[in-house]
Amino acid sequence: MEALTDTDPAQVGAHALLARLGAGALGQVYLARSPGGRLVAVQVVGSRTTGDPEALARFKREAEAVRAVRSAHTADLVDASLAAPPFWLATEYAAGPTLARAVAGRGPLPAPTCRRLLAALAEGLAALHAFGVVHRGFTPECVVLAGQGPLITGFGFARDAGAPGSAAPEVRAGAEAGPAADVFALGALLAYAATGRPPFGAGGGPLDVAGVEPGLAELVAACTQEDPARRPALAEVVERCAGEGALADDPVYAGLGALGDAVPRHAVRAQGPAPAGAYGYPPPAGYAPAAPSAPSAPGPPRRRRGRAGAGAAAGLALAALGAVAVGGIPAGGGGAAADAAAGSQPAARPSAGRSPADQPGLIRQTAPNADSWDPVRGECRGPEVEERPLTGLQGVITPAERDPEGELQPGRVRVAFRLKEAVPGAPAYHLAVVVKPPHEVDAQGRPTGVSENRQLGFAALARDVHEGDATQWKSVVYPDDFSMELEGRRVPAPAPAQDPGGWTVVFRHAVSDTEHKSVWCRGFDVGAQKG
């Protein structure tokens, strides 16, 4: 990690730059901070690639591949600009050294650690292949030894189909790289990890596994067979490494984290040094930073310790709905109803001319729902909101990682709303929060694989925004407070980790259980759980 130079921009898109991480195959890579405080790695396409139509088309195809692949051993896509220059993409940042740096700093890894690492990387490559992606340039520099396990980076972005010393024979002969080529590269990588030496020597000689534990050496040799058909499948590699235990519990692996760079703590630059024409990386059109809460306004309600509730991914955004665009909200989560201070707030009052029995509770679906959150574009797809929101309505989404008090449990996210100013005597205005997974679910709440999700989603009980003090936050937590009526039964909400992808959050103004209209749509991105 290096300090920014005078020619580096202050920000890329909405992400403030902190430091240089290095130069990738397509351009410079930066460490940056998102508007909500999430650390991301931003790769900016250089002028050489921008001027090469073939390379640029490949970048766009591979960026879509990064977006599609979700695995415990790959970094998730957070944001991207693919429509017009400057082109860039941002992925989640994981602190830790590369495998190349770890071996250079500590020497060869012991056989048990190598086996655990081999199993994890084979699992990660298998996930890539399941999405139709071949890495093509798998080297020790592409493996980040994060605390929860190794992350595979750079897949699809290598200029050459295989790096020197790790390219499979068929690739060196000019053939297209297939999954078996990644198996070869994996074997070469593990030979390096186990010996600290180039896998085929300085001049491309035979495989060097001298001194390696015999069983591990045999497996590495099998992966680097000349004939692609004779190399083991990745599932077999994982099976042959079984029994060593979890990599995260490996004491040698745990000690390698100290070799990673510390994240810069200094403030980011307020303005870049270069003119906009040279280094103009403005936020996307229509982007506006999250509106800060009024100084006198209290923060969102927090749950008492010991009660269920929480969020599992990244990001917090606050905005006046209908007036300021909410920034990206990548997170995972679920959780429980806000501490409405355990019953300290008065009950919601009925709307004029309606009895309490007629007030909306759990809203039900009456028509197909096309709302869908696109985490890359940071916008909802489908119809526009059906009704303008109440003036002064504000919303906030808080996942566990961004909970100031750390009271939210992993796997949950709190959604809260309030009015910026109270309106004495106003009629009741009930809001129902709806959280919709990427895929439709069955009657047990399990994802079905139907990606064009036309279900309403999982809803929390509708609440009157004027209830009690309208300027106090009222919140619910997914999945604890959410359910769905489906096929005549009440279906509890599943954990976000069960269905990685873009989750949609919609606020709906509810007049009754069957009469409700959307007033705001946003969402969060849930990647595969790490570790």
Protein backbone atom coordinates (compact mmCIF):
# COMPACT_ATOMS: atom_id res chain seq x y z
CA MET A 1 0.00 0.00 0.00
CA GLU A 2 1.39 3.39 -1.00
CA ALA A 3 0.39 6.99 -0.39
CA LEU A 4 -1.60 8.82 -3.05
CA THR A 5 0.41 10.93 -5.46
CA ASP A 6 -0.29 14.45 -6.68
CA THR A 7 -1.70 13.04 -9.92
CA ASP A 8 -4.24 10.77 -8.23
CA PRO A 9 -7.86 11.96 -8.01
CA ALA A 10 -9.49 12.67 -4.66
CA GLN A 11 -12.36 10.32 -5.38
CA VAL A 12 -13.70 7.86 -7.92
CA GLY A 13 -17.46 7.93 -8.26
CA ALA A 14 -18.78 8.42 -4.75
CA HIS A 15 -15.73 6.74 -3.16
CA ALA A 16 -13.05 8.85 -1.43
CA LEU A 17 -9.54 7.57 -2.12
CA LEU A 18 -7.23 6.67 0.76
CA ALA A 19 -4.16 4.99 -0.75
CA ARG A 20 -2.73 3.09 -3.70
CA LEU A 21 -3.02 -0.69 -3.52
CA GLY A 22 -1.01 -1.34 -6.67
CA ALA A 23 -1.31 -1.53 -10.43
CA GLY A 24 -3.60 -4.19 -11.89
CA ALA A 25 -3.69 -5.64 -15.38
CA LEU A 26 -6.04 -2.91 -16.54
CA GLY A 27 -4.96 0.10 -14.51
CA GLN A 28 -4.41 1.54 -11.04
CA VAL A 29 -6.08 0.02 -7.96
CA TYR A 30 -6.95 2.21 -4.97
CA LEU A 31 -8.12 1.72 -1.43
CA ALA A 32 -11.19 3.91 -0.94
CA ARG A 33 -14.02 4.60 1.46
CA SER A 34 -17.67 4.58 0.40
CA PRO A 35 -20.09 7.32 1.55
CA GLY A 36 -21.27 5.01 4.32
CA GLY A 37 -17.73 4.27 5.49
CA ARG A 38 -17.19 0.88 3.83
CA LEU A 39 -13.65 0.13 2.65
CA VAL A 40 -13.52 -0.82 -1.04
CA ALA A 41 -10.86 -1.58 -3.63
CA VAL A 42 -11.39 0.56 -6.74
CA GLN A 43 -9.80 -0.45 -10.04
CA VAL A 44 -9.66 2.36 -12.59
CA VAL A 45 -9.19 1.42 -16.23
CA GLY A 46 -6.09 3.03 -17.72
CA SER A 47 -5.99 5.03 -20.93
CA ARG A 48 -4.40 2.12 -22.83
CA THR A 49 -7.39 -0.12 -22.15
CA THR A 50 -9.89 2.70 -22.73
CA GLY A 51 -8.43 3.20 -26.22
CA ASP A 52 -8.50 -0.51 -27.06
CA PRO A 53 -12.07 -1.54 -28.03
CA GLU A 54 -11.32 -5.25 -27.66
CA ALA A 55 -9.74 -4.85 -24.20
CA LEU A 56 -12.54 -2.54 -23.12
CA ALA A 57 -15.21 -5.01 -24.23
CA ARG A 58 -13.43 -7.71 -22.28
CA PHE A 59 -13.31 -5.50 -19.20
CA LYS A 60 -17.07 -4.96 -19.36
CA ARG A 61 -17.74 -8.68 -19.82
CA GLU A 62 -15.53 -9.57 -16.90
CA ALA A 63 -17.03 -6.83 -14.72
CA GLU A 64 -20.37 -8.50 -15.25
CA ALA A 65 -18.74 -11.78 -14.26
CA VAL A 66 -17.49 -10.21 -11.02
CA ARG A 67 -21.01 -9.01 -10.39
CA ALA A 68 -22.48 -12.48 -10.98
CA VAL A 69 -20.04 -14.57 -8.95
CA ARG A 70 -20.87 -14.92 -5.27
CA SER A 71 -18.66 -17.11 -3.17
CA ALA A 72 -17.18 -17.20 0.30
CA HIS A 73 -13.77 -16.98 -1.37
CA THR A 74 -14.31 -14.08 -3.81
CA ALA A 75 -14.70 -10.36 -3.20
CA ASP A 76 -18.19 -9.01 -3.97
CA LEU A 77 -18.79 -6.17 -6.42
CA VAL A 78 -19.91 -3.00 -4.63
CA ASP A 79 -20.15 -0.39 -7.40
CA ALA A 80 -19.10 0.15 -11.01
CA SER A 81 -19.11 2.63 -13.89
CA LEU A 82 -19.35 0.74 -17.18
CA ALA A 83 -21.45 2.97 -19.42
CA ALA A 84 -18.95 5.73 -20.26
CA PRO A 85 -15.36 6.70 -19.38
CA PRO A 86 -13.79 6.86 -16.92
CA PHE A 87 -14.46 3.15 -16.41
CA TRP A 88 -13.96 1.64 -12.97
CA LEU A 89 -15.28 -0.93 -10.57
CA ALA A 90 -15.23 -1.20 -6.78
CA THR A 91 -15.12 -4.47 -4.86
CA GLU A 92 -15.15 -5.15 -1.14
CA TYR A 93 -11.77 -4.71 0.50
CA ALA A 94 -10.36 -7.40 2.75
CA ALA A 95 -7.35 -6.61 4.93
CA GLY A 96 -4.53 -9.12 4.71
CA PRO A 97 -1.35 -9.89 2.77
CA THR A 98 -1.25 -11.64 -0.57
CA LEU A 99 0.01 -15.20 -0.56
CA ALA A 100 3.12 -14.00 -2.40
CA ARG A 101 3.87 -11.46 0.32
CA ALA A 102 3.18 -13.95 3.12
CA VAL A 103 5.55 -16.57 1.73
CA ALA A 104 8.21 -13.95 0.98
CA GLY A 105 7.94 -12.65 4.55
CA ARG A 106 7.57 -15.90 6.52
CA GLY A 107 8.85 -18.60 4.23
CA PRO A 108 7.13 -21.85 3.16
CA LEU A 109 3.91 -22.86 4.88
CA PRO A 110 3.66 -26.18 6.76
CA ALA A 111 1.81 -29.07 5.12
CA PRO A 112 -1.37 -28.88 7.28
CA THR A 113 -1.74 -25.16 6.50
CA CYS A 114 -1.13 -25.83 2.81
CA ARG A 115 -3.83 -28.49 2.73
CA ARG A 116 -6.37 -26.20 4.38
CA LEU A 117 -5.43 -23.40 2.00
CA LEU A 118 -5.63 -25.74 -0.99
CA ALA A 119 -9.14 -26.87 -0.01
CA ALA A 120 -10.35 -23.29 0.42
CA LEU A 121 -8.92 -22.12 -2.90
CA ALA A 122 -10.27 -25.17 -4.74
CA GLU A 123 -13.70 -24.37 -3.34
CA GLY A 124 -13.37 -20.77 -4.51
CA LEU A 125 -12.28 -21.75 -8.03
CA ALA A 126 -15.15 -24.23 -8.22
CA ALA A 127 -17.55 -21.37 -7.47
CA LEU A 128 -16.04 -19.35 -10.33
CA HIS A 129 -16.40 -22.26 -12.71
CA ALA A 130 -20.03 -22.78 -11.66
CA PHE A 131 -20.71 -19.26 -12.95
CA GLY A 132 -18.89 -20.00 -16.21
CA VAL A 133 -15.81 -17.97 -15.26
CA VAL A 134 -12.23 -19.21 -15.68
CA HIS A 135 -9.60 -17.23 -13.78
CA ARG A 136 -6.87 -17.53 -16.45
CA GLY A 137 -4.21 -15.79 -14.34
CA PHE A 138 -4.23 -17.52 -10.95
CA THR A 139 -1.02 -16.64 -9.11
CA PRO A 140 0.05 -16.04 -5.47
CA GLU A 141 -0.54 -12.31 -6.06
CA CYS A 142 -4.24 -13.05 -6.68
CA VAL A 143 -4.83 -14.63 -3.26
CA VAL A 144 -5.51 -12.33 -0.30
CA LEU A 145 -5.13 -14.04 3.07
CA ALA A 146 -8.06 -12.39 4.85
CA GLY A 147 -8.89 -13.23 8.43
CA GLN A 148 -11.99 -15.27 7.62
CA GLY A 149 -10.28 -17.17 4.81
CA PRO A 150 -8.51 -16.54 1.49
CA LEU A 151 -10.14 -14.38 -1.16
CA ILE A 152 -9.51 -14.87 -4.87
CA THR A 153 -9.07 -11.58 -6.71
CA GLY A 154 -8.36 -10.50 -10.25
CA PHE A 155 -10.32 -13.29 -11.93
CA GLY A 156 -10.96 -12.56 -15.57
CA PHE A 157 -8.66 -9.52 -15.68
CA ALA A 158 -5.32 -11.10 -16.52
CA ARG A 159 -3.99 -9.88 -19.88
CA ASP A 160 -2.26 -13.17 -20.49
CA ALA A 161 -3.99 -16.53 -20.30
CA GLY A 162 -1.88 -17.71 -17.42
CA ALA A 163 1.11 -16.18 -15.69
CA PRO A 164 4.70 -17.39 -16.26
CA GLY A 165 5.39 -20.45 -14.14
CA SER A 166 1.73 -21.25 -13.60
CA ALA A 167 0.26 -21.41 -17.11
CA ALA A 168 -0.93 -24.86 -18.12
CA PRO A 169 0.82 -26.53 -21.08
CA GLU A 170 -2.27 -26.30 -23.27
CA VAL A 171 -2.48 -22.56 -22.62
CA ARG A 172 1.19 -22.05 -23.44
CA ALA A 173 0.47 -23.88 -26.69
CA GLY A 174 -2.17 -21.28 -27.58
CA ALA A 175 -5.36 -23.09 -26.57
CA GLU A 176 -8.21 -21.35 -24.74
CA ALA A 177 -7.91 -21.60 -20.96
CA GLY A 178 -10.52 -23.92 -19.47
CA PRO A 179 -11.30 -25.01 -15.90
CA ALA A 180 -8.48 -27.59 -16.01
CA ALA A 181 -6.02 -24.74 -16.59
CA ASP A 182 -7.05 -23.23 -13.26
CA VAL A 183 -6.44 -26.61 -11.59
CA PHE A 184 -2.91 -26.58 -13.01
CA ALA A 185 -2.34 -23.05 -11.74
CA LEU A 186 -3.69 -24.07 -8.32
CA GLY A 187 -1.16 -26.90 -8.11
CA ALA A 188 1.66 -24.57 -9.12
CA LEU A 189 0.55 -22.03 -6.54
CA LEU A 190 0.55 -24.63 -3.75
CA ALA A 191 4.00 -25.85 -4.78
CA TYR A 192 5.21 -22.28 -4.26
CA ALA A 193 3.42 -21.99 -0.91
CA ALA A 194 4.92 -25.26 0.33
CA THR A 195 8.50 -24.60 -0.84
CA GLY A 196 8.87 -20.84 -1.17
CA ARG A 197 10.44 -21.47 -4.58
CA PRO A 198 9.20 -21.04 -8.17
CA PRO A 199 7.16 -24.19 -8.89
CA PHE A 200 9.09 -25.07 -12.05
CA GLY A 201 12.40 -23.45 -11.24
CA ALA A 202 13.79 -20.30 -12.78
CA GLY A 203 14.02 -21.83 -16.25
CA GLY A 204 10.78 -23.79 -16.46
CA GLY A 205 12.09 -27.19 -15.42
CA PRO A 206 10.21 -30.08 -13.78
CA LEU A 207 7.89 -29.50 -10.83
CA ASP A 208 9.90 -28.67 -7.71
CA VAL A 209 8.37 -30.29 -4.61
CA ALA A 210 11.61 -31.27 -2.91
CA GLY A 211 11.12 -31.47 0.85
CA VAL A 212 7.31 -31.32 0.65
CA GLU A 213 5.31 -33.83 2.72
CA PRO A 214 4.75 -36.84 0.36
CA GLY A 215 0.94 -36.82 0.38
CA LEU A 216 0.79 -33.11 -0.39
CA ALA A 217 3.49 -33.42 -3.05
CA GLU A 218 1.48 -36.19 -4.73
CA LEU A 219 -1.65 -34.01 -4.83
CA VAL A 220 0.26 -31.03 -6.22
CA ALA A 221 1.78 -33.27 -8.89
CA ALA A 222 -1.67 -34.58 -9.83
CA CYS A 223 -2.97 -31.01 -10.30
CA THR A 224 -0.04 -30.15 -12.58
CA GLN A 225 -0.35 -33.16 -14.91
CA GLU A 226 0.55 -32.43 -18.53
CA ASP A 227 -2.74 -33.87 -19.79
CA PRO A 228 -5.72 -31.72 -18.68
CA ALA A 229 -7.97 -34.79 -18.59
CA ARG A 230 -5.78 -36.43 -15.95
CA ARG A 231 -5.94 -33.53 -13.51
CA PRO A 232 -8.34 -34.03 -10.59
CA ALA A 233 -11.63 -32.19 -10.40
CA LEU A 234 -11.75 -29.42 -7.82
CA ALA A 235 -14.28 -31.37 -5.75
CA GLU A 236 -11.75 -34.22 -5.54
CA VAL A 237 -9.05 -31.78 -4.42
CA VAL A 238 -11.29 -30.57 -1.60
CA GLU A 239 -12.11 -34.15 -0.60
CA ARG A 240 -8.44 -35.16 -0.54
CA CYS A 241 -7.68 -32.23 1.77
CA ALA A 242 -10.53 -33.03 4.16
CA GLY A 243 -9.84 -33.72 7.81
CA GLU A 244 -7.40 -30.90 8.47
CA GLY A 245 -9.98 -28.61 10.06
CA ALA A 246 -10.92 -24.99 9.35
CA LEU A 247 -8.30 -22.67 7.89
CA ALA A 248 -9.49 -19.79 10.09
CA ASP A 249 -8.48 -21.91 13.14
CA ASP A 250 -5.00 -22.63 11.77
CA PRO A 251 -2.45 -20.87 14.03
CA VAL A 252 0.06 -20.39 11.22
CA TYR A 253 -2.56 -18.86 8.94
CA ALA A 254 -3.81 -16.60 11.72
CA GLY A 255 -0.31 -15.24 12.25
CA LEU A 256 0.06 -14.21 8.60
CA GLY A 257 -2.46 -11.38 9.01
CA ALA A 258 0.20 -9.22 10.67
CA LEU A 259 1.97 -8.97 7.29
CA GLY A 260 -0.92 -7.00 5.80
CA ASP A 261 -0.87 -3.22 5.45
CA ALA A 262 -2.59 -1.09 8.05
CA VAL A 263 -5.51 0.94 6.72
CA PRO A 264 -4.61 4.66 6.60
CA ARG A 265 -6.27 6.61 9.40
CA HIS A 266 -5.65 10.09 8.01
CA ALA A 267 -8.45 12.20 6.59
CA VAL A 268 -9.09 11.93 2.87
CA ARG A 269 -8.34 14.88 0.63
CA ALA A 270 -11.24 17.28 0.22
CA GLN A 271 -10.33 18.10 -3.37
CA GLY A 272 -8.18 16.41 -5.96
CA PRO A 273 -5.12 18.22 -7.33
CA ALA A 274 -5.75 17.53 -11.01
CA PRO A 275 -8.24 19.39 -13.21
CA ALA A 276 -11.54 17.65 -13.87
CA GLY A 277 -10.68 17.14 -17.51
CA ALA A 278 -7.67 15.05 -16.57
CA TYR A 279 -8.94 13.18 -13.53
CA GLY A 280 -12.65 13.74 -13.42
CA TYR A 281 -14.33 10.89 -11.55
CA PRO A 282 -17.56 12.53 -10.43
CA PRO A 283 -20.32 10.68 -8.59
CA PRO A 284 -22.97 9.11 -10.82
CA ALA A 285 -25.65 11.37 -12.21
CA GLY A 286 -28.30 12.04 -9.61
CA TYR A 287 -26.11 10.97 -6.71
CA ALA A 288 -26.40 13.01 -3.54
CA PRO A 289 -24.65 12.29 -0.25
CA ALA A 290 -26.72 11.08 2.65
CA ALA A 291 -28.39 13.95 4.44
CA PRO A 292 -27.09 14.36 8.01
CA SER A 293 -29.62 14.23 10.78
CA ALA A 294 -30.58 17.46 12.44
CA PRO A 295 -28.32 18.29 15.41
CA SER A 296 -31.19 18.15 17.86
CA ALA A 297 -32.65 14.92 16.52
CA PRO A 298 -31.87 11.67 18.31
CA GLY A 299 -30.39 8.77 16.37
CA PRO A 300 -32.27 5.64 15.35
CA PRO A 301 -33.50 3.56 18.26
CA ARG A 302 -31.14 0.93 19.56
CA ARG A 303 -32.07 -2.43 20.93
CA ARG A 304 -31.26 -3.40 24.48
CA ARG A 305 -28.38 -5.81 24.85
CA GLY A 306 -29.39 -9.43 25.00
CA ARG A 307 -32.37 -9.08 22.66
CA ALA A 308 -32.40 -10.45 19.14
CA GLY A 309 -31.74 -8.07 16.28
CA ALA A 310 -29.00 -7.08 13.84
CA GLY A 311 -27.37 -6.73 10.47
CA ALA A 312 -24.57 -8.55 8.70
CA ALA A 313 -23.03 -6.55 5.92
CA ALA A 314 -22.07 -2.99 5.18
CA GLY A 315 -23.47 0.48 4.95
CA LEU A 316 -25.69 3.04 6.55
CA ALA A 317 -27.59 5.76 4.74
CA LEU A 318 -30.00 8.43 5.90
CA ALA A 319 -32.06 10.63 3.62
CA ALA A 320 -35.17 12.71 3.37
CA LEU A 321 -37.25 10.42 1.20
CA GLY A 322 -38.33 11.98 -2.05
CA ALA A 323 -35.90 14.86 -1.60
CA VAL A 324 -32.39 13.42 -1.35
CA ALA A 325 -31.16 10.25 -3.03
CA VAL A 326 -30.00 7.63 -0.58
CA GLY A 327 -26.43 6.51 -1.09
CA GLY A 328 -25.44 2.87 -1.67
CA ILE A 329 -26.58 0.57 1.13
CA PRO A 330 -24.59 -2.75 0.72
CA ALA A 331 -25.50 -4.95 3.63
CA GLY A 332 -27.04 -8.06 4.75
CA GLY A 333 -29.23 -8.49 7.64
CA GLY A 334 -32.41 -9.04 9.44
CA GLY A 335 -33.69 -8.07 12.78
CA ALA A 336 -36.32 -7.16 15.26
CA ALA A 337 -38.73 -4.38 15.94
CA ALA A 338 -37.28 -1.16 17.20
CA ASP A 339 -37.14 -0.58 20.85
CA ALA A 340 -40.21 1.58 20.59
CA ALA A 341 -38.84 1.60 24.04
CA ALA A 342 -40.50 -1.58 25.04
CA GLY A 343 -43.98 -0.18 24.97
CA SER A 344 -43.15 3.29 26.25
CA GLN A 345 -44.70 4.95 23.19
CA PRO A 346 -48.49 5.37 23.00
CA ALA A 347 -50.51 3.12 20.73
CA ALA A 348 -51.15 4.22 17.15
CA ARG A 349 -54.34 6.18 16.76
CA PRO A 350 -56.89 5.13 14.15
CA SER A 351 -57.38 7.08 10.95
CA ALA A 352 -60.39 9.35 10.81
CA GLY A 353 -63.60 7.40 10.24
CA ARG A 354 -61.95 4.02 10.80
CA SER A 355 -62.08 1.71 13.80
CA PRO A 356 -58.90 0.21 15.29
CA ALA A 357 -59.97 -3.18 13.92
CA ASP A 358 -59.77 -1.74 10.39
CA GLN A 359 -56.19 -0.49 10.77
CA PRO A 360 -53.55 -2.18 8.58
CA GLY A 361 -51.47 -4.90 10.19
CA LEU A 362 -49.53 -7.36 8.04
CA ILE A 363 -50.08 -6.24 4.46
CA ARG A 364 -50.82 -8.88 1.80
CA GLN A 365 -50.03 -9.16 -1.88
CA THR A 366 -52.83 -8.32 -4.31
CA ALA A 367 -50.88 -8.01 -7.59
CA PRO A 368 -47.48 -9.00 -9.04
CA ASN A 369 -44.67 -6.85 -7.63
CA ALA A 370 -41.82 -5.90 -9.96
CA ASP A 371 -39.71 -3.90 -7.48
CA SER A 372 -36.07 -5.06 -7.65
CA TRP A 373 -32.89 -3.49 -6.29
CA ASP A 374 -29.82 -3.32 -8.57
CA PRO A 375 -26.79 -3.11 -6.24
CA VAL A 376 -24.37 -2.23 -9.07
CA ARG A 377 -26.35 0.72 -10.41
CA GLY A 378 -27.56 1.62 -6.94
CA GLU A 379 -31.17 1.94 -8.01
CA CYS A 380 -34.47 0.11 -8.01
CA ARG A 381 -35.69 -1.47 -11.22
CA GLY A 382 -39.35 -1.78 -12.04
CA PRO A 383 -42.13 0.80 -11.75
CA GLU A 384 -41.62 4.17 -10.13
CA VAL A 385 -42.99 4.61 -6.64
CA GLU A 386 -46.77 4.70 -6.71
CA GLU A 387 -47.27 7.60 -4.34
CA ARG A 388 -45.24 10.60 -3.18
CA PRO A 389 -43.96 10.08 0.36
CA LEU A 390 -45.16 12.09 3.30
CA THR A 391 -43.30 15.42 3.55
CA GLY A 392 -40.30 15.16 5.85
CA LEU A 393 -40.27 11.38 5.99
CA GLN A 394 -36.78 10.00 6.65
CA GLY A 395 -35.41 6.47 6.55
CA VAL A 396 -32.26 4.71 7.67
CA ILE A 397 -30.89 1.21 7.14
CA THR A 398 -28.36 -0.01 9.71
CA PRO A 399 -26.59 -3.36 9.33
CA ALA A 400 -24.72 -4.93 12.22
CA GLU A 401 -21.31 -3.80 11.03
CA ARG A 402 -22.46 -0.18 11.16
CA ASP A 403 -24.39 -0.35 14.42
CA PRO A 404 -22.73 2.28 16.68
CA GLU A 405 -23.44 0.30 19.83
CA GLY A 406 -22.70 -3.11 18.37
CA GLU A 407 -26.04 -4.41 19.65
CA LEU A 408 -27.30 -5.87 16.39
CA GLN A 409 -26.49 -9.53 15.98
CA PRO A 410 -24.79 -10.73 12.78
CA GLY A 411 -27.23 -11.67 10.04
CA ARG A 412 -29.70 -8.87 10.74
CA VAL A 413 -30.34 -5.29 9.66
CA ARG A 414 -32.48 -2.60 11.23
CA VAL A 415 -34.76 -0.41 9.09
CA ALA A 416 -36.05 2.75 10.78
CA PHE A 417 -38.17 5.75 9.84
CA ARG A 418 -39.40 8.99 11.36
CA LEU A 419 -40.66 12.46 10.45
CA LYS A 420 -38.18 15.31 10.50
CA GLU A 421 -40.82 17.48 12.14
CA ALA A 422 -43.96 16.52 14.02
CA VAL A 423 -47.33 17.59 12.58
CA PRO A 424 -49.82 18.04 15.46
CA GLY A 425 -53.31 16.73 14.71
CA ALA A 426 -52.30 14.99 11.49
CA PRO A 427 -54.30 11.88 10.52
CA ALA A 428 -52.65 8.50 10.93
CA TYR A 429 -50.19 7.52 8.20
CA HIS A 430 -49.24 3.84 8.39
CA LEU A 431 -45.98 2.63 6.89
CA ALA A 432 -45.18 -1.01 6.23
CA VAL A 433 -41.56 -1.96 5.62
CA VAL A 434 -41.16 -4.72 3.00
CA VAL A 435 -37.93 -6.63 2.42
CA LYS A 436 -37.77 -8.69 -0.75
CA PRO A 437 -35.10 -11.34 -1.53
CA PRO A 438 -33.57 -11.73 -4.99
CA HIS A 439 -35.53 -14.94 -5.69
CA GLU A 440 -39.06 -16.05 -5.02
CA VAL A 441 -39.54 -18.33 -2.04
CA ASP A 442 -41.63 -21.43 -1.45
CA ALA A 443 -44.11 -22.03 1.37
CA GLN A 444 -41.21 -22.80 3.73
CA GLY A 445 -39.42 -19.54 2.94
CA ARG A 446 -36.68 -21.23 0.92
CA PRO A 447 -35.39 -19.59 -2.30
CA THR A 448 -36.77 -21.30 -5.41
CA GLY A 449 -34.26 -20.02 -7.94
CA VAL A 450 -36.92 -17.94 -9.73
CA SER A 451 -34.90 -14.75 -10.25
CA GLU A 452 -37.75 -12.62 -11.62
CA ASN A 453 -39.27 -12.29 -8.18
CA ARG A 454 -42.86 -11.07 -8.48
CA GLN A 455 -43.78 -11.71 -4.87
CA LEU A 456 -44.48 -8.78 -2.56
CA GLY A 457 -41.74 -9.79 -0.15
CA PHE A 458 -41.60 -10.15 3.62
CA ALA A 459 -43.39 -7.41 5.55
CA ALA A 460 -43.32 -6.05 9.07
CA LEU A 461 -46.51 -4.85 10.78
CA ALA A 462 -47.57 -1.43 9.54
CA ARG A 463 -47.00 1.43 11.99
CA ASP A 464 -48.28 4.99 12.20
CA VAL A 465 -45.41 7.43 11.64
CA HIS A 466 -47.22 9.92 13.92
CA GLU A 467 -47.31 7.42 16.78
CA GLY A 468 -45.89 8.93 19.97
CA ASP A 469 -43.21 11.48 19.09
CA ALA A 470 -43.12 11.52 15.29
CA THR A 471 -39.48 12.71 15.33
CA GLN A 472 -38.37 9.61 17.27
CA TRP A 473 -37.17 6.68 15.19
CA LYS A 474 -39.45 3.69 14.80
CA SER A 475 -37.67 0.59 13.58
CA VAL A 476 -37.98 -3.06 12.67
CA VAL A 477 -35.25 -5.62 12.19
CA TYR A 478 -35.05 -8.19 9.42
CA PRO A 479 -35.73 -11.14 9.61
CA ASP A 480 -37.08 -11.19 13.18
CA ASP A 481 -40.08 -8.91 12.61
CA PHE A 482 -40.93 -10.00 9.06
CA SER A 483 -43.19 -12.63 7.53
CA MET A 484 -45.26 -13.25 4.42
CA GLU A 485 -48.69 -14.72 3.78
CA LEU A 486 -48.24 -17.36 1.10
CA GLU A 487 -50.58 -20.17 0.05
CA GLY A 488 -52.76 -19.53 3.07
CA ARG A 489 -50.01 -19.78 5.65
CA ARG A 490 -47.70 -17.40 7.47
CA VAL A 491 -44.13 -17.85 6.20
CA PRO A 492 -41.28 -16.57 8.42
CA ALA A 493 -38.56 -14.53 6.76
CA PRO A 494 -35.31 -16.35 5.88
CA ALA A 495 -31.83 -15.07 6.74
CA PRO A 496 -30.27 -13.03 3.91
CA ALA A 497 -27.31 -15.42 3.76
CA GLN A 498 -29.65 -18.06 2.32
CA ASP A 499 -30.08 -16.05 -0.89
CA PRO A 500 -27.06 -13.87 -1.80
CA GLY A 501 -27.75 -11.00 -4.16
CA GLY A 502 -29.54 -7.68 -4.29
CA TRP A 503 -32.26 -7.43 -1.62
CA THR A 504 -34.99 -4.83 -2.04
CA VAL A 505 -36.39 -2.59 0.72
CA VAL A 506 -39.68 -0.80 0.08
CA PHE A 507 -41.69 1.55 2.30
CA ARG A 508 -45.42 1.21 1.56
CA HIS A 509 -48.16 3.55 2.72
CA ALA A 510 -50.83 1.16 3.98
CA VAL A 511 -54.50 2.07 4.25
CA SER A 512 -55.48 -1.55 4.93
CA ASP A 513 -53.91 -4.99 4.68
CA THR A 514 -54.78 -5.13 0.98
CA GLU A 515 -54.59 -1.44 0.03
CA HIS A 516 -51.04 -0.11 0.06
CA LYS A 517 -48.76 1.86 -2.26
CA SER A 518 -44.99 2.16 -2.47
CA VAL A 519 -43.48 5.51 -1.50
CA TRP A 520 -39.76 4.63 -1.49
CA CYS A 521 -37.56 1.83 -2.81
CA ARG A 522 -33.95 1.07 -1.97
CA GLY A 523 -31.98 -2.03 -1.14
CA PHE A 524 -28.79 -3.70 -0.04
CA ASP A 525 -26.38 -6.24 -1.47
CA VAL A 526 -25.82 -9.50 0.37
CA GLY A 527 -22.75 -11.52 -0.57
CA ALA A 528 -21.96 -15.07 0.47
CA GLN A 529 -21.13 -15.29 4.14
CA LYS A 530 -17.40 -15.31 4.77
CA GLY A 531 -15.62 -17.74 6.98
